[in-house]
Amino acid sequence: MKTKMKLIASIKIWVAIYPSITLFLYLFGETLSVLPLYQRTLLLTLSLVPWIVFVGVPFVDSIIQLISPQTDKK
């Protein structure tokens, strides 16, 4: 994979991860604060990794396709 493609992929992932983690911690942070750090991290990753892979990044890709200039395929 070329460096440019890696950079684009990492930005897409970040755009999906940042708001997801922020919302998760906003909604469940206080409830989870009683758990040890390793358990909080486990719950966070168990729920957010599938979310990012199956929903977050595909959603970002669809938004990019909507706003990017369309090319004619003939």
N, C-alpha and C. Protein backbone atom coordinates (compact mmCIF):
# COMPACT_ATOMS: atom_id res chain seq x y z
N MET A 1 0.85 -1.18 0.00
CA MET A 1 0.00 0.00 0.00
C MET A 1 0.90 1.24 0.00
N LYS A 2 0.57 2.19 -0.86
CA LYS A 2 1.37 3.40 -0.95
C LYS A 2 1.12 4.30 0.25
N THR A 3 2.08 5.18 0.50
CA THR A 3 2.00 6.07 1.65
C THR A 3 0.77 6.96 1.59
N LYS A 4 0.42 7.47 0.41
CA LYS A 4 -0.75 8.33 0.28
C LYS A 4 -2.02 7.57 0.66
N MET A 5 -2.15 6.33 0.21
CA MET A 5 -3.33 5.53 0.54
C MET A 5 -3.39 5.22 2.03
N LYS A 6 -2.23 4.97 2.64
CA LYS A 6 -2.20 4.73 4.09
C LYS A 6 -2.64 5.97 4.86
N LEU A 7 -2.19 7.13 4.40
CA LEU A 7 -2.57 8.37 5.05
C LEU A 7 -4.07 8.61 4.93
N ILE A 8 -4.63 8.39 3.76
CA ILE A 8 -6.07 8.56 3.55
C ILE A 8 -6.86 7.58 4.42
N ALA A 9 -6.40 6.33 4.49
CA ALA A 9 -7.08 5.32 5.32
C ALA A 9 -7.03 5.70 6.79
N SER A 10 -5.88 6.18 7.24
CA SER A 10 -5.76 6.55 8.66
C SER A 10 -6.64 7.74 9.00
N ILE A 11 -6.79 8.69 8.07
CA ILE A 11 -7.67 9.83 8.32
C ILE A 11 -9.13 9.39 8.37
N LYS A 12 -9.53 8.50 7.46
CA LYS A 12 -10.90 7.97 7.48
C LYS A 12 -11.20 7.27 8.80
N ILE A 13 -10.26 6.45 9.25
CA ILE A 13 -10.45 5.73 10.50
C ILE A 13 -10.54 6.70 11.66
N TRP A 14 -9.68 7.71 11.68
CA TRP A 14 -9.71 8.69 12.76
C TRP A 14 -11.04 9.43 12.77
N VAL A 15 -11.54 9.80 11.59
CA VAL A 15 -12.81 10.52 11.50
C VAL A 15 -13.96 9.66 12.04
N ALA A 16 -13.86 8.36 11.91
CA ALA A 16 -14.89 7.47 12.45
C ALA A 16 -14.68 7.19 13.94
N ILE A 17 -13.43 7.08 14.36
CA ILE A 17 -13.14 6.70 15.75
C ILE A 17 -13.37 7.83 16.73
N TYR A 18 -12.89 9.02 16.42
CA TYR A 18 -12.94 10.11 17.39
C TYR A 18 -14.36 10.40 17.90
N PRO A 19 -15.33 10.64 17.01
CA PRO A 19 -16.68 10.90 17.55
C PRO A 19 -17.30 9.68 18.21
N SER A 20 -16.95 8.49 17.75
CA SER A 20 -17.51 7.27 18.35
C SER A 20 -17.02 7.09 19.78
N ILE A 21 -15.74 7.26 19.99
CA ILE A 21 -15.18 7.14 21.35
C ILE A 21 -15.73 8.24 22.24
N THR A 22 -15.81 9.45 21.72
CA THR A 22 -16.32 10.58 22.50
C THR A 22 -17.76 10.32 22.94
N LEU A 23 -18.59 9.87 22.02
CA LEU A 23 -19.99 9.59 22.36
C LEU A 23 -20.10 8.43 23.34
N PHE A 24 -19.33 7.36 23.11
CA PHE A 24 -19.35 6.21 24.01
C PHE A 24 -19.00 6.63 25.43
N LEU A 25 -17.92 7.41 25.57
CA LEU A 25 -17.49 7.84 26.91
C LEU A 25 -18.48 8.83 27.52
N TYR A 26 -19.11 9.65 26.70
CA TYR A 26 -20.12 10.57 27.21
C TYR A 26 -21.31 9.80 27.78
N LEU A 27 -21.73 8.76 27.05
CA LEU A 27 -22.90 7.99 27.46
C LEU A 27 -22.61 7.01 28.59
N PHE A 28 -21.44 6.36 28.57
CA PHE A 28 -21.17 5.27 29.51
C PHE A 28 -19.98 5.51 30.43
N GLY A 29 -19.31 6.63 30.28
CA GLY A 29 -18.08 6.88 31.04
C GLY A 29 -18.27 6.84 32.54
N GLU A 30 -19.32 7.48 33.02
CA GLU A 30 -19.56 7.52 34.46
C GLU A 30 -19.90 6.13 34.99
N THR A 31 -20.69 5.39 34.25
CA THR A 31 -21.08 4.03 34.66
C THR A 31 -19.86 3.11 34.68
N LEU A 32 -19.00 3.25 33.69
CA LEU A 32 -17.83 2.39 33.59
C LEU A 32 -16.68 2.81 34.51
N SER A 33 -16.77 4.00 35.07
CA SER A 33 -15.66 4.51 35.88
C SER A 33 -15.39 3.66 37.12
N VAL A 34 -16.35 2.86 37.54
CA VAL A 34 -16.14 2.01 38.72
C VAL A 34 -15.31 0.77 38.38
N LEU A 35 -15.19 0.46 37.10
CA LEU A 35 -14.44 -0.73 36.68
C LEU A 35 -12.95 -0.42 36.58
N PRO A 36 -12.12 -1.44 36.75
CA PRO A 36 -10.68 -1.24 36.52
C PRO A 36 -10.41 -0.85 35.07
N LEU A 37 -9.30 -0.20 34.83
CA LEU A 37 -8.97 0.31 33.51
C LEU A 37 -8.98 -0.79 32.45
N TYR A 38 -8.42 -1.96 32.76
CA TYR A 38 -8.35 -3.02 31.75
C TYR A 38 -9.74 -3.49 31.35
N GLN A 39 -10.70 -3.48 32.26
CA GLN A 39 -12.07 -3.89 31.92
C GLN A 39 -12.78 -2.81 31.10
N ARG A 40 -12.55 -1.55 31.44
CA ARG A 40 -13.12 -0.46 30.65
C ARG A 40 -12.59 -0.50 29.22
N THR A 41 -11.27 -0.72 29.10
CA THR A 41 -10.66 -0.79 27.78
C THR A 41 -11.21 -1.97 26.99
N LEU A 42 -11.38 -3.10 27.63
CA LEU A 42 -11.94 -4.27 26.98
C LEU A 42 -13.35 -3.99 26.46
N LEU A 43 -14.20 -3.42 27.29
CA LEU A 43 -15.57 -3.11 26.86
C LEU A 43 -15.59 -2.08 25.74
N LEU A 44 -14.73 -1.09 25.84
CA LEU A 44 -14.66 -0.06 24.80
C LEU A 44 -14.25 -0.66 23.47
N THR A 45 -13.22 -1.50 23.47
CA THR A 45 -12.74 -2.09 22.21
C THR A 45 -13.71 -3.15 21.68
N LEU A 46 -14.30 -3.93 22.55
CA LEU A 46 -15.27 -4.95 22.10
C LEU A 46 -16.47 -4.32 21.40
N SER A 47 -16.87 -3.16 21.85
CA SER A 47 -18.04 -2.54 21.23
C SER A 47 -17.66 -1.63 20.06
N LEU A 48 -16.55 -0.92 20.14
CA LEU A 48 -16.26 0.06 19.11
C LEU A 48 -15.49 -0.46 17.90
N VAL A 49 -14.70 -1.49 18.04
CA VAL A 49 -13.98 -2.02 16.86
C VAL A 49 -14.96 -2.53 15.80
N PRO A 50 -15.93 -3.36 16.15
CA PRO A 50 -16.91 -3.77 15.12
C PRO A 50 -17.71 -2.57 14.58
N TRP A 51 -18.06 -1.64 15.45
CA TRP A 51 -18.79 -0.45 15.03
C TRP A 51 -18.00 0.32 13.97
N ILE A 52 -16.72 0.51 14.22
CA ILE A 52 -15.86 1.26 13.29
C ILE A 52 -15.71 0.50 11.97
N VAL A 53 -15.47 -0.81 12.05
CA VAL A 53 -15.22 -1.61 10.85
C VAL A 53 -16.46 -1.75 9.98
N PHE A 54 -17.61 -2.00 10.60
CA PHE A 54 -18.81 -2.30 9.83
C PHE A 54 -19.74 -1.12 9.60
N VAL A 55 -19.61 -0.06 10.40
CA VAL A 55 -20.51 1.09 10.26
C VAL A 55 -19.73 2.39 10.04
N GLY A 56 -18.78 2.67 10.90
CA GLY A 56 -18.10 3.97 10.88
C GLY A 56 -17.36 4.27 9.61
N VAL A 57 -16.41 3.43 9.24
CA VAL A 57 -15.61 3.68 8.04
C VAL A 57 -16.46 3.58 6.77
N PRO A 58 -17.36 2.59 6.62
CA PRO A 58 -18.22 2.61 5.43
C PRO A 58 -19.07 3.88 5.34
N PHE A 59 -19.52 4.40 6.48
CA PHE A 59 -20.28 5.65 6.48
C PHE A 59 -19.42 6.81 6.00
N VAL A 60 -18.20 6.90 6.49
CA VAL A 60 -17.27 7.94 6.04
C VAL A 60 -17.02 7.80 4.54
N ASP A 61 -16.82 6.58 4.07
CA ASP A 61 -16.61 6.35 2.64
C ASP A 61 -17.82 6.82 1.82
N SER A 62 -19.02 6.56 2.30
CA SER A 62 -20.21 6.98 1.55
C SER A 62 -20.34 8.50 1.52
N ILE A 63 -19.99 9.16 2.61
CA ILE A 63 -20.02 10.62 2.64
C ILE A 63 -19.00 11.19 1.66
N ILE A 64 -17.82 10.60 1.64
CA ILE A 64 -16.78 11.06 0.71
C ILE A 64 -17.24 10.89 -0.73
N GLN A 65 -17.88 9.77 -1.04
CA GLN A 65 -18.37 9.55 -2.40
C GLN A 65 -19.44 10.57 -2.79
N LEU A 66 -20.26 10.97 -1.82
CA LEU A 66 -21.31 11.95 -2.11
C LEU A 66 -20.74 13.33 -2.41
N ILE A 67 -19.68 13.72 -1.70
CA ILE A 67 -19.16 15.07 -1.87
C ILE A 67 -18.02 15.18 -2.87
N SER A 68 -17.46 14.04 -3.27
CA SER A 68 -16.36 14.09 -4.23
C SER A 68 -16.91 14.26 -5.64
N PRO A 69 -16.12 14.89 -6.51
CA PRO A 69 -16.59 15.07 -7.90
C PRO A 69 -16.78 13.72 -8.59
N GLN A 70 -17.86 13.61 -9.29
CA GLN A 70 -18.17 12.37 -10.01
C GLN A 70 -17.43 12.37 -11.35
N THR A 71 -16.90 11.21 -11.71
CA THR A 71 -16.27 11.07 -13.02
C THR A 71 -17.18 10.25 -13.92
N ASP A 72 -17.23 10.61 -15.17
CA ASP A 72 -18.05 9.87 -16.13
C ASP A 72 -17.35 8.57 -16.50
N LYS A 73 -18.07 7.47 -16.40
CA LYS A 73 -17.53 6.17 -16.80
C LYS A 73 -18.20 5.75 -18.08
N LYS A 74 -17.49 5.82 -19.17
CA LYS A 74 -18.07 5.45 -20.46
C LYS A 74 -17.39 4.25 -21.03
